[in-house]
C-alpha atoms as a PDB file:
ATOM      1  CA  MET A   1      24.442 -57.709  18.370  1.00  0.00           C
ATOM      2  CA  THR A   2      22.469 -54.643  17.439  1.00  0.00           C
ATOM      3  CA  GLU A   3      19.262 -54.130  19.716  1.00  0.00           C
ATOM      4  CA  THR A   4      17.155 -54.539  16.251  1.00  0.00           C
ATOM      5  CA  GLU A   5      18.576 -58.273  16.184  1.00  0.00           C
ATOM      6  CA  ARG A   6      17.600 -59.262  19.343  1.00  0.00           C
ATOM      7  CA  LYS A   7      14.285 -61.373  20.405  1.00  0.00           C
ATOM      8  CA  THR A   8      11.903 -58.744  20.869  1.00  0.00           C
ATOM      9  CA  LEU A   9       8.666 -59.125  23.120  1.00  0.00           C
ATOM     10  CA  VAL A  10       5.767 -56.656  22.855  1.00  0.00           C
ATOM     11  CA  VAL A  11       4.204 -55.393  25.813  1.00  0.00           C
ATOM     12  CA  ASP A  12       0.654 -53.835  25.247  1.00  0.00           C
ATOM     13  CA  GLU A  13      -1.970 -53.192  27.950  1.00  0.00           C
ATOM     14  CA  SER A  14      -4.903 -53.791  25.479  1.00  0.00           C
ATOM     15  CA  GLY A  15      -3.879 -57.370  24.863  1.00  0.00           C
ATOM     16  CA  ALA A  16      -2.187 -56.480  21.151  1.00  0.00           C
ATOM     17  CA  GLY A  17       1.226 -57.400  21.813  1.00  0.00           C
ATOM     18  CA  ASP A  18       2.886 -60.604  23.339  1.00  0.00           C
ATOM     19  CA  TYR A  19       1.972 -59.741  26.868  1.00  0.00           C
ATOM     20  CA  ARG A  20       0.085 -57.247  28.747  1.00  0.00           C
ATOM     21  CA  THR A  21       2.442 -56.583  31.587  1.00  0.00           C
ATOM     22  CA  LEU A  22       6.422 -55.998  31.611  1.00  0.00           C
ATOM     23  CA  THR A  23       6.534 -58.529  34.360  1.00  0.00           C
ATOM     24  CA  GLU A  24       4.720 -61.194  32.341  1.00  0.00           C
ATOM     25  CA  ALA A  25       7.240 -60.640  29.322  1.00  0.00           C
ATOM     26  CA  VAL A  26      10.067 -60.932  32.089  1.00  0.00           C
ATOM     27  CA  ALA A  27       8.607 -64.472  33.571  1.00  0.00           C
ATOM     28  CA  ALA A  28       8.463 -65.654  29.824  1.00  0.00           C
ATOM     29  CA  CYS A  29      12.321 -65.340  29.474  1.00  0.00           C
ATOM     30  CA  ALA A  30      12.799 -67.305  33.255  1.00  0.00           C
ATOM     31  CA  ALA A  31      14.117 -70.342  30.987  1.00  0.00           C
ATOM     32  CA  THR A  32      16.722 -68.290  28.850  1.00  0.00           C
ATOM     33  CA  PRO A  33      18.424 -65.575  31.085  1.00  0.00           C
ATOM     34  CA  ASP A  34      21.469 -65.384  29.181  1.00  0.00           C
ATOM     35  CA  GLU A  35      19.710 -64.496  25.834  1.00  0.00           C
ATOM     36  CA  PRO A  36      19.272 -60.897  24.769  1.00  0.00           C
ATOM     37  CA  VAL A  37      16.195 -59.293  24.752  1.00  0.00           C
ATOM     38  CA  ARG A  38      14.400 -56.461  24.048  1.00  0.00           C
ATOM     39  CA  PHE A  39      11.180 -55.477  25.778  1.00  0.00           C
ATOM     40  CA  TYR A  40       9.333 -52.641  23.475  1.00  0.00           C
ATOM     41  CA  ILE A  41       6.332 -51.320  25.526  1.00  0.00           C
ATOM     42  CA  ARG A  42       3.284 -49.598  23.821  1.00  0.00           C
ATOM     43  CA  HIS A  43       1.760 -46.264  25.140  1.00  0.00           C
ATOM     44  CA  GLY A  44      -0.110 -46.958  28.411  1.00  0.00           C
ATOM     45  CA  ILE A  45      -0.358 -46.980  32.221  1.00  0.00           C
ATOM     46  CA  TYR A  46       1.203 -50.128  33.614  1.00  0.00           C
ATOM     47  CA  GLU A  47       0.340 -50.489  37.464  1.00  0.00           C
ATOM     48  CA  GLU A  48       3.309 -52.984  37.966  1.00  0.00           C
ATOM     49  CA  ARG A  49       6.600 -53.684  39.887  1.00  0.00           C
ATOM     50  CA  PRO A  50       8.706 -55.588  37.499  1.00  0.00           C
ATOM     51  CA  PHE A  51      11.747 -57.301  38.892  1.00  0.00           C
ATOM     52  CA  ILE A  52      14.463 -58.045  36.241  1.00  0.00           C
ATOM     53  CA  VAL A  53      17.278 -59.931  36.885  1.00  0.00           C
ATOM     54  CA  LEU A  54      18.708 -60.974  33.051  1.00  0.00           C
ATOM     55  CA  ALA A  55      22.201 -60.612  31.190  1.00  0.00           C
ATOM     56  CA  ASP A  56      21.504 -58.253  28.464  1.00  0.00           C
ATOM     57  CA  TYR A  57      18.516 -56.736  28.189  1.00  0.00           C
ATOM     58  CA  VAL A  58      16.481 -53.278  26.699  1.00  0.00           C
ATOM     59  CA  ILE A  59      13.683 -51.918  27.925  1.00  0.00           C
ATOM     60  CA  GLU A  60      12.076 -49.196  25.357  1.00  0.00           C
ATOM     61  CA  GLY A  61       8.779 -47.691  25.513  1.00  0.00           C
ATOM     62  CA  GLU A  62       6.875 -46.130  22.733  1.00  0.00           C
ATOM     63  CA  TYR A  63       6.010 -42.592  23.600  1.00  0.00           C
ATOM     64  CA  ARG A  64       8.435 -40.919  26.711  1.00  0.00           C
ATOM     65  CA  ASN A  65       5.241 -39.468  28.611  1.00  0.00           C
ATOM     66  CA  ALA A  66       2.706 -41.795  27.298  1.00  0.00           C
ATOM     67  CA  THR A  67       4.695 -45.238  28.525  1.00  0.00           C
ATOM     68  CA  VAL A  68       4.291 -45.261  32.548  1.00  0.00           C
ATOM     69  CA  ILE A  69       5.282 -47.900  34.563  1.00  0.00           C
ATOM     70  CA  THR A  70       3.757 -46.958  38.332  1.00  0.00           C
ATOM     71  CA  ALA A  71       3.260 -48.236  41.499  1.00  0.00           C
ATOM     72  CA  SER A  72       2.698 -46.430  44.943  1.00  0.00           C
ATOM     73  CA  VAL A  73       4.641 -48.128  47.466  1.00  0.00           C
ATOM     74  CA  GLY A  74       6.494 -46.472  50.423  1.00  0.00           C
ATOM     75  CA  GLY A  75       9.095 -47.339  52.951  1.00  0.00           C
ATOM     76  CA  ARG A  76       6.540 -47.570  55.792  1.00  0.00           C
ATOM     77  CA  ASP A  77       3.886 -49.673  54.098  1.00  0.00           C
ATOM     78  CA  PRO A  78       3.538 -52.792  55.932  1.00  0.00           C
ATOM     79  CA  TRP A  79       5.237 -56.482  55.334  1.00  0.00           C
ATOM     80  CA  PRO A  80       4.224 -59.407  55.496  1.00  0.00           C
ATOM     81  CA  GLY A  81       5.484 -60.627  59.120  1.00  0.00           C
ATOM     82  CA  GLU A  82       7.335 -57.329  59.684  1.00  0.00           C
ATOM     83  CA  VAL A  83       6.646 -54.039  60.879  1.00  0.00           C
ATOM     84  CA  LYS A  84       7.659 -52.245  57.310  1.00  0.00           C
ATOM     85  CA  THR A  85       8.594 -52.399  53.828  1.00  0.00           C
ATOM     86  CA  GLY A  86      11.647 -50.435  53.989  1.00  0.00           C
ATOM     87  CA  THR A  87      13.135 -48.374  51.689  1.00  0.00           C
ATOM     88  CA  PHE A  88      15.008 -51.342  49.302  1.00  0.00           C
ATOM     89  CA  ARG A  89      11.617 -53.346  48.804  1.00  0.00           C
ATOM     90  CA  SER A  90       9.769 -50.232  47.558  1.00  0.00           C
ATOM     91  CA  ALA A  91      10.919 -49.941  44.100  1.00  0.00           C
ATOM     92  CA  THR A  92       8.425 -49.546  41.240  1.00  0.00           C
ATOM     93  CA  LEU A  93      11.048 -51.087  38.696  1.00  0.00           C
ATOM     94  CA  PHE A  94      14.129 -53.413  39.949  1.00  0.00           C
ATOM     95  CA  LEU A  95      17.252 -53.500  37.267  1.00  0.00           C
ATOM     96  CA  GLY A  96      19.577 -56.304  38.111  1.00  0.00           C
ATOM     97  CA  GLY A  97      21.476 -58.559  36.101  1.00  0.00           C
ATOM     98  CA  GLY A  98      24.668 -57.808  33.482  1.00  0.00           C
ATOM     99  CA  ARG A  99      23.641 -54.915  31.329  1.00  0.00           C
ATOM    100  CA  ALA A 100      20.061 -53.193  31.218  1.00  0.00           C
ATOM    101  CA  VAL A 101      19.245 -50.482  28.721  1.00  0.00           C
ATOM    102  CA  VAL A 102      16.052 -48.234  29.231  1.00  0.00           C
ATOM    103  CA  ARG A 103      14.958 -45.844  26.949  1.00  0.00           C
ATOM    104  CA  ASN A 104      12.060 -43.565  26.110  1.00  0.00           C
ATOM    105  CA  LEU A 105       9.259 -44.588  29.035  1.00  0.00           C
ATOM    106  CA  THR A 106       8.153 -43.276  32.933  1.00  0.00           C
ATOM    107  CA  VAL A 107       8.725 -44.734  35.976  1.00  0.00           C
ATOM    108  CA  GLN A 108       7.238 -43.408  38.908  1.00  0.00           C
ATOM    109  CA  ASN A 109       6.759 -44.337  42.538  1.00  0.00           C
ATOM    110  CA  ASN A 110       3.520 -41.946  43.849  1.00  0.00           C
ATOM    111  CA  ALA A 111       3.354 -43.471  47.325  1.00  0.00           C
ATOM    112  CA  GLY A 112       3.537 -39.405  48.356  1.00  0.00           C
ATOM    113  CA  ASP A 113       5.743 -37.468  50.427  1.00  0.00           C
ATOM    114  CA  GLY A 114       8.451 -39.084  52.399  1.00  0.00           C
ATOM    115  CA  ALA A 115       7.426 -37.628  55.737  1.00  0.00           C
ATOM    116  CA  LYS A 116       4.383 -39.774  55.427  1.00  0.00           C
ATOM    117  CA  ALA A 117       4.893 -42.694  53.146  1.00  0.00           C
ATOM    118  CA  GLY A 118       8.582 -42.874  54.053  1.00  0.00           C
ATOM    119  CA  GLN A 119      11.018 -43.780  51.250  1.00  0.00           C
ATOM    120  CA  ALA A 120       9.711 -44.809  47.980  1.00  0.00           C
ATOM    121  CA  LEU A 121      11.873 -46.005  45.341  1.00  0.00           C
ATOM    122  CA  ALA A 122      10.784 -45.595  41.503  1.00  0.00           C
ATOM    123  CA  VAL A 123      14.093 -47.579  40.077  1.00  0.00           C
ATOM    124  CA  TYR A 124      16.530 -49.589  42.037  1.00  0.00           C
ATOM    125  CA  ALA A 125      19.132 -49.612  39.419  1.00  0.00           C
ATOM    126  CA  ASP A 126      21.565 -52.687  40.207  1.00  0.00           C
ATOM    127  CA  ALA A 127      22.845 -54.339  37.214  1.00  0.00           C
ATOM    128  CA  SER A 128      26.244 -54.256  36.326  1.00  0.00           C
ATOM    129  CA  ARG A 129      25.989 -51.412  33.866  1.00  0.00           C
ATOM    130  CA  VAL A 130      22.972 -49.465  33.552  1.00  0.00           C
ATOM    131  CA  LEU A 131      22.247 -47.086  30.933  1.00  0.00           C
ATOM    132  CA  MET A 132      18.990 -44.934  30.592  1.00  0.00           C
ATOM    133  CA  GLU A 133      18.103 -42.258  27.911  1.00  0.00           C
ATOM    134  CA  ASN A 134      15.584 -40.046  27.487  1.00  0.00           C
ATOM    135  CA  VAL A 135      13.545 -41.569  30.604  1.00  0.00           C
ATOM    136  CA  ASN A 136      11.671 -39.654  33.322  1.00  0.00           C
ATOM    137  CA  LEU A 137      12.190 -40.791  36.850  1.00  0.00           C
ATOM    138  CA  TYR A 138       9.618 -39.675  39.501  1.00  0.00           C
ATOM    139  CA  GLY A 139       9.191 -39.588  43.141  1.00  0.00           C
ATOM    140  CA  ASN A 140       9.713 -38.179  46.271  1.00  0.00           C
ATOM    141  CA  GLN A 141      12.254 -39.437  48.894  1.00  0.00           C
ATOM    142  CA  ASP A 142      14.996 -41.881  47.170  1.00  0.00           C
ATOM    143  CA  THR A 143      13.685 -41.475  43.887  1.00  0.00           C
ATOM    144  CA  LEU A 144      16.694 -43.661  42.281  1.00  0.00           C
ATOM    145  CA  PHE A 145      18.801 -45.838  44.192  1.00  0.00           C
ATOM    146  CA  THR A 146      22.325 -46.309  42.151  1.00  0.00           C
ATOM    147  CA  ALA A 147      23.521 -49.659  43.639  1.00  0.00           C
ATOM    148  CA  PRO A 148      25.699 -50.878  45.448  1.00  0.00           C
ATOM    149  CA  LEU A 149      24.598 -50.391  48.988  1.00  0.00           C
ATOM    150  CA  PRO A 150      27.046 -49.626  51.787  1.00  0.00           C
ATOM    151  CA  LEU A 151      28.913 -52.218  53.447  1.00  0.00           C
ATOM    152  CA  GLN A 152      27.139 -51.596  56.974  1.00  0.00           C
ATOM    153  CA  GLU A 153      23.757 -50.490  57.677  1.00  0.00           C
ATOM    154  CA  ARG A 154      23.122 -47.750  60.196  1.00  0.00           C
ATOM    155  CA  GLU A 155      20.016 -48.846  61.618  1.00  0.00           C
ATOM    156  CA  LYS A 156      18.999 -52.657  62.477  1.00  0.00           C
ATOM    157  CA  ASN A 157      17.179 -54.352  59.275  1.00  0.00           C
ATOM    158  CA  GLY A 158      17.762 -51.111  57.613  1.00  0.00           C
ATOM    159  CA  PHE A 159      18.848 -53.059  54.178  1.00  0.00           C
ATOM    160  CA  ARG A 160      15.830 -55.411  54.033  1.00  0.00           C
ATOM    161  CA  GLY A 161      15.647 -56.236  50.139  1.00  0.00           C
ATOM    162  CA  PRO A 162      16.971 -58.124  47.636  1.00  0.00           C
ATOM    163  CA  ARG A 163      20.563 -57.264  48.127  1.00  0.00           C
ATOM    164  CA  GLU A 164      20.833 -56.848  51.659  1.00  0.00           C
ATOM    165  CA  SER A 165      23.002 -60.550  51.841  1.00  0.00           C
ATOM    166  CA  THR A 166      25.153 -60.406  48.757  1.00  0.00           C
ATOM    167  CA  PRO A 167      28.401 -59.025  47.946  1.00  0.00           C
ATOM    168  CA  ARG A 168      28.720 -55.047  47.401  1.00  0.00           C
ATOM    169  CA  LEU A 169      29.725 -55.200  43.487  1.00  0.00           C
ATOM    170  CA  ASP A 170      30.727 -52.110  41.525  1.00  0.00           C
ATOM    171  CA  THR A 171      28.501 -50.619  38.856  1.00  0.00           C
ATOM    172  CA  VAL A 172      28.948 -48.205  36.006  1.00  0.00           C
ATOM    173  CA  GLN A 173      25.307 -46.235  35.369  1.00  0.00           C
ATOM    174  CA  TYR A 174      25.047 -43.806  32.499  1.00  0.00           C
ATOM    175  CA  TYR A 175      21.696 -41.279  32.428  1.00  0.00           C
ATOM    176  CA  LYS A 176      21.646 -39.342  29.178  1.00  0.00           C
ATOM    177  CA  ASN A 177      18.758 -36.451  28.766  1.00  0.00           C
ATOM    178  CA  CYS A 178      16.696 -37.830  31.788  1.00  0.00           C
ATOM    179  CA  THR A 179      14.425 -35.936  34.136  1.00  0.00           C
ATOM    180  CA  ILE A 180      14.785 -36.938  37.901  1.00  0.00           C
ATOM    181  CA  ARG A 181      12.217 -35.901  40.212  1.00  0.00           C
ATOM    182  CA  GLY A 182      12.036 -35.775  44.045  1.00  0.00           C
ATOM    183  CA  ASN A 183      12.763 -34.084  47.248  1.00  0.00           C
ATOM    184  CA  ILE A 184      15.107 -36.160  49.533  1.00  0.00           C
ATOM    185  CA  ASP A 185      17.915 -37.739  48.715  1.00  0.00           C
ATOM    186  CA  PHE A 186      16.450 -38.619  45.451  1.00  0.00           C
ATOM    187  CA  ILE A 187      19.577 -39.831  43.657  1.00  0.00           C
ATOM    188  CA  PHE A 188      21.416 -41.747  46.136  1.00  0.00           C
ATOM    189  CA  GLY A 189      23.718 -44.939  46.678  1.00  0.00           C
ATOM    190  CA  GLY A 190      27.525 -46.018  45.669  1.00  0.00           C
ATOM    191  CA  ALA A 191      27.629 -46.520  42.069  1.00  0.00           C
ATOM    192  CA  ASN A 192      29.772 -44.700  39.965  1.00  0.00           C
ATOM    193  CA  ALA A 193      27.574 -42.792  37.560  1.00  0.00           C
ATOM    194  CA  VAL A 194      27.438 -40.032  35.365  1.00  0.00           C
ATOM    195  CA  PHE A 195      24.199 -37.701  34.645  1.00  0.00           C
ATOM    196  CA  ASP A 196      24.629 -36.064  31.346  1.00  0.00           C
ATOM    197  CA  THR A 197      22.392 -33.280  29.909  1.00  0.00           C
ATOM    198  CA  CYS A 198      19.726 -34.322  32.598  1.00  0.00           C
ATOM    199  CA  ARG A 199      17.306 -32.143  34.221  1.00  0.00           C
ATOM    200  CA  LEU A 200      17.104 -32.421  38.222  1.00  0.00           C
ATOM    201  CA  GLU A 201      13.691 -31.494  39.505  1.00  0.00           C
ATOM    202  CA  PRO A 202      13.438 -30.654  43.350  1.00  0.00           C
ATOM    203  CA  TRP A 203       9.941 -31.191  44.398  1.00  0.00           C
ATOM    204  CA  HIS A 204       8.123 -29.270  47.430  1.00  0.00           C
ATOM    205  CA  HIS A 205       8.840 -31.334  50.560  1.00  0.00           C
ATOM    206  CA  ILE A 206       7.100 -30.900  53.827  1.00  0.00           C
ATOM    207  CA  SER A 207      10.191 -29.981  55.594  1.00  0.00           C
ATOM    208  CA  GLY A 208      11.046 -27.176  53.174  1.00  0.00           C
ATOM    209  CA  THR A 209      14.524 -28.478  52.408  1.00  0.00           C
ATOM    210  CA  CYS A 210      15.584 -30.740  49.782  1.00  0.00           C
ATOM    211  CA  TYR A 211      18.471 -32.929  48.898  1.00  0.00           C
ATOM    212  CA  ILE A 212      19.339 -33.926  45.103  1.00  0.00           C
ATOM    213  CA  THR A 213      21.957 -36.262  46.068  1.00  0.00           C
ATOM    214  CA  ALA A 214      23.080 -38.575  48.847  1.00  0.00           C
ATOM    215  CA  PRO A 215      25.843 -40.753  47.429  1.00  0.00           C
ATOM    216  CA  SER A 216      27.751 -43.612  49.778  1.00  0.00           C
ATOM    217  CA  THR A 217      30.818 -43.890  47.114  1.00  0.00           C
ATOM    218  CA  PRO A 218      33.352 -46.521  48.575  1.00  0.00           C
ATOM    219  CA  ALA A 219      36.611 -45.303  49.193  1.00  0.00           C
ATOM    220  CA  GLY A 220      38.725 -44.321  45.830  1.00  0.00           C
ATOM    221  CA  LYS A 221      35.711 -44.737  43.453  1.00  0.00           C
ATOM    222  CA  PRO A 222      34.587 -41.818  41.482  1.00  0.00           C
ATOM    223  CA  GLY A 223      31.177 -41.540  42.503  1.00  0.00           C
ATOM    224  CA  TYR A 224      28.563 -39.249  40.735  1.00  0.00           C
ATOM    225  CA  LEU A 225      29.327 -36.912  37.805  1.00  0.00           C
ATOM    226  CA  PHE A 226      26.864 -34.323  36.784  1.00  0.00           C
ATOM    227  CA  VAL A 227      27.772 -32.825  33.242  1.00  0.00           C
ATOM    228  CA  ASN A 228      25.754 -29.979  31.489  1.00  0.00           C
ATOM    229  CA  CYS A 229      22.864 -31.016  33.933  1.00  0.00           C
ATOM    230  CA  THR A 230      19.885 -28.145  35.064  1.00  0.00           C
ATOM    231  CA  VAL A 231      18.484 -27.632  38.095  1.00  0.00           C
ATOM    232  CA  GLN A 232      15.426 -26.500  37.990  1.00  0.00           C
ATOM    233  CA  GLY A 233      11.964 -27.842  40.087  1.00  0.00           C
ATOM    234  CA  SER A 234       9.467 -26.343  42.439  1.00  0.00           C
ATOM    235  CA  CYS A 235      11.239 -25.444  45.837  1.00  0.00           C
ATOM    236  CA  ALA A 236      11.541 -22.257  47.475  1.00  0.00           C
ATOM    237  CA  PRO A 237      14.771 -20.250  46.589  1.00  0.00           C
ATOM    238  CA  GLY A 238      17.685 -21.047  49.115  1.00  0.00           C
ATOM    239  CA  SER A 239      16.179 -24.603  50.242  1.00  0.00           C
ATOM    240  CA  VAL A 240      17.848 -27.172  48.050  1.00  0.00           C
ATOM    241  CA  TYR A 241      21.412 -28.878  48.474  1.00  0.00           C
ATOM    242  CA  LEU A 242      23.669 -30.534  45.892  1.00  0.00           C
ATOM    243  CA  GLY A 243      24.342 -33.266  47.988  1.00  0.00           C
ATOM    244  CA  ARG A 244      25.093 -34.729  51.315  1.00  0.00           C
ATOM    245  CA  PRO A 245      27.208 -37.665  52.243  1.00  0.00           C
ATOM    246  CA  TRP A 246      25.082 -41.057  52.833  1.00  0.00           C
ATOM    247  CA  ARG A 247      28.732 -42.117  53.818  1.00  0.00           C
ATOM    248  CA  ALA A 248      32.204 -40.691  54.589  1.00  0.00           C
ATOM    249  CA  ASP A 249      33.624 -41.132  51.159  1.00  0.00           C
ATOM    250  CA  ALA A 250      30.811 -39.667  49.154  1.00  0.00           C
ATOM    251  CA  ALA A 251      31.703 -38.119  45.712  1.00  0.00           C
ATOM    252  CA  CYS A 252      29.978 -36.027  43.707  1.00  0.00           C
ATOM    253  CA  TYR A 253      31.026 -33.204  41.298  1.00  0.00           C
ATOM    254  CA  TRP A 254      28.909 -30.901  39.029  1.00  0.00           C
ATOM    255  CA  LEU A 255      30.447 -29.763  36.133  1.00  0.00           C
ATOM    256  CA  ASP A 256      29.084 -26.828  33.751  1.00  0.00           C
ATOM    257  CA  CYS A 257      25.770 -27.226  35.281  1.00  0.00           C
ATOM    258  CA  ALA A 258      22.551 -24.508  35.523  1.00  0.00           C
ATOM    259  CA  LEU A 259      21.503 -24.050  38.509  1.00  0.00           C
ATOM    260  CA  SER A 260      18.324 -22.064  39.761  1.00  0.00           C
ATOM    261  CA  ASP A 261      18.146 -20.189  42.685  1.00  0.00           C
ATOM    262  CA  GLU A 262      16.645 -23.059  44.813  1.00  0.00           C
ATOM    263  CA  VAL A 263      20.031 -24.186  45.099  1.00  0.00           C
ATOM    264  CA  CYS A 264      21.369 -22.564  48.566  1.00  0.00           C
ATOM    265  CA  ALA A 265      24.588 -21.005  49.054  1.00  0.00           C
ATOM    266  CA  ASP A 266      26.054 -23.470  51.064  1.00  0.00           C
ATOM    267  CA  GLY A 267      25.849 -25.969  48.240  1.00  0.00           C
ATOM    268  CA  TRP A 268      26.520 -28.864  50.535  1.00  0.00           C
ATOM    269  CA  ASP A 269      25.048 -30.400  53.907  1.00  0.00           C
ATOM    270  CA  ASN A 270      27.295 -32.277  55.911  1.00  0.00           C
ATOM    271  CA  TRP A 271      24.461 -34.427  57.283  1.00  0.00           C
ATOM    272  CA  ARG A 272      24.683 -33.234  60.768  1.00  0.00           C
ATOM    273  CA  ASP A 273      28.760 -34.392  61.140  1.00  0.00           C
ATOM    274  CA  PRO A 274      31.431 -31.631  60.283  1.00  0.00           C
ATOM    275  CA  GLU A 275      33.799 -34.950  60.458  1.00  0.00           C
ATOM    276  CA  ASN A 276      32.313 -35.380  56.885  1.00  0.00           C
ATOM    277  CA  GLU A 277      33.705 -32.479  55.423  1.00  0.00           C
ATOM    278  CA  LYS A 278      37.360 -33.632  55.619  1.00  0.00           C
ATOM    279  CA  THR A 279      36.149 -36.872  53.818  1.00  0.00           C
ATOM    280  CA  ALA A 280      33.610 -36.358  51.124  1.00  0.00           C
ATOM    281  CA  ARG A 281      34.611 -35.466  47.806  1.00  0.00           C
ATOM    282  CA  PHE A 282      32.397 -32.759  46.730  1.00  0.00           C
ATOM    283  CA  GLY A 283      32.868 -29.889  43.889  1.00  0.00           C
ATOM    284  CA  GLU A 284      31.513 -28.129  41.205  1.00  0.00           C
ATOM    285  CA  HIS A 285      32.870 -26.350  38.085  1.00  0.00           C
ATOM    286  CA  GLY A 286      31.582 -24.186  35.501  1.00  0.00           C
ATOM    287  CA  SER A 287      28.360 -23.848  37.340  1.00  0.00           C
ATOM    288  CA  THR A 288      26.058 -21.037  35.868  1.00  0.00           C
ATOM    289  CA  GLY A 289      22.728 -19.639  37.482  1.00  0.00           C
ATOM    290  CA  PRO A 290      21.712 -17.625  40.132  1.00  0.00           C
ATOM    291  CA  GLY A 291      22.307 -21.141  42.721  1.00  0.00           C
ATOM    292  CA  SER A 292      26.065 -20.694  41.618  1.00  0.00           C
ATOM    293  CA  ALA A 293      28.520 -19.584  44.275  1.00  0.00           C
ATOM    294  CA  ALA A 294      32.042 -18.827  44.164  1.00  0.00           C
ATOM    295  CA  LYS A 295      32.522 -20.550  47.660  1.00  0.00           C
ATOM    296  CA  ARG A 296      30.290 -23.286  49.061  1.00  0.00           C
ATOM    297  CA  ALA A 297      30.091 -24.514  52.735  1.00  0.00           C
ATOM    298  CA  PHE A 298      32.896 -27.152  51.917  1.00  0.00           C
ATOM    299  CA  GLY A 299      33.984 -28.816  48.598  1.00  0.00           C
ATOM    300  CA  SER A 300      35.803 -27.398  45.823  1.00  0.00           C
ATOM    301  CA  VAL A 301      34.832 -24.886  43.403  1.00  0.00           C
ATOM    302  CA  ASP A 302      36.661 -24.004  39.869  1.00  0.00           C
ATOM    303  CA  ASP A 303      39.512 -26.011  40.546  1.00  0.00           C
ATOM    304  CA  ASP A 304      40.513 -26.862  36.847  1.00  0.00           C
ATOM    305  CA  ASN A 305      42.672 -29.813  37.921  1.00  0.00           C
ATOM    306  CA  GLU A 306      39.854 -31.206  39.218  1.00  0.00           C
ATOM    307  CA  ALA A 307      37.511 -30.482  36.441  1.00  0.00           C
ATOM    308  CA  ASN A 308      40.093 -31.946  33.671  1.00  0.00           C
ATOM    309  CA  ALA A 309      40.056 -35.435  35.694  1.00  0.00           C
ATOM    310  CA  GLN A 310      36.167 -35.335  35.756  1.00  0.00           C
ATOM    311  CA  ARG A 311      36.213 -34.399  31.838  1.00  0.00           C
ATOM    312  CA  GLU A 312      38.474 -37.645  31.629  1.00  0.00           C
ATOM    313  CA  MET A 313      36.215 -39.760  33.641  1.00  0.00           C
ATOM    314  CA  TYR A 314      33.180 -38.779  31.679  1.00  0.00           C
ATOM    315  CA  ALA A 315      34.892 -39.493  28.331  1.00  0.00           C
ATOM    316  CA  ARG A 316      35.730 -43.068  29.537  1.00  0.00           C
ATOM    317  CA  VAL A 317      32.368 -43.638  30.950  1.00  0.00           C
ATOM    318  CA  LYS A 318      30.478 -42.364  27.194  1.00  0.00           C
ATOM    319  CA  ALA A 319      32.973 -44.524  25.479  1.00  0.00           C
ATOM    320  CA  GLU A 320      32.297 -47.668  27.728  1.00  0.00           C
ATOM    321  CA  PHE A 321      28.446 -47.154  26.877  1.00  0.00           C
ATOM    322  CA  GLY A 322      29.029 -46.336  23.323  1.00  0.00           C
ATOM    323  CA  VAL A 323      26.946 -43.184  23.473  1.00  0.00           C
ATOM    324  CA  GLU A 324      27.989 -40.269  21.011  1.00  0.00           C
END
């Protein structure tokens, strides 16, 4: 089925469409969750927190920069009957179910700096297959969570949210021509995810140090791959790490990416545990720009065999999603 053959629901905040909000349009699909559907959102500012669990859906904005889904919920905000909201109940947009495609819009969480607001997700990407093209994701700490969660939490009630008690299922995710902004661990989680020709924007943080990724990759899984991406934000030179391991088997690879002088010489952080340097699978190949380096604190640099394996994985994921 092509996207134009799907049932299409038009969202328009002015009332000129089928529904005024995406939340209302999603609710209208509750009786037919397995029917493929397309949500077309006209330009506007949509202050809402859609929670979507459908089998096969497309969310498409009219204009990338002028179709905005926004909220301001931080992990330190109060939650009814509990002390705080927590990371995984803070998302502006939750994508669950089977296959989720998001194109040509902006999703943001305006809760503010994590030092004050706590973690604040723009997107919780939990669907089995997630494709995002020409999308802006804006936040501060923990902008994009790429499910699944790790098997065990490190602090009591740390995983409170929609998937704390469900099986940890693999997801495959593909991000094409996206801009992702944040400062602390702003892309994190256990997904097998490819970021293709994306712009990563480390955003000034009160502490002065930024971490782009914090993968929690399950053992033996591919983890994150950044291909032909650019790192260019607003942080001080030498204040940004490519990533740090949220769990011991974290995997993250940067292939043919342009790195600004914001990226520090060490490249990777071990999250206060030298043992992580033995188990984390971090590497890069073909990095350019002032943030590139011939040697990092740990991880591989310019290993041709590893780069070829990553290119093969990149080709497989592109083919699975049918992206040229």
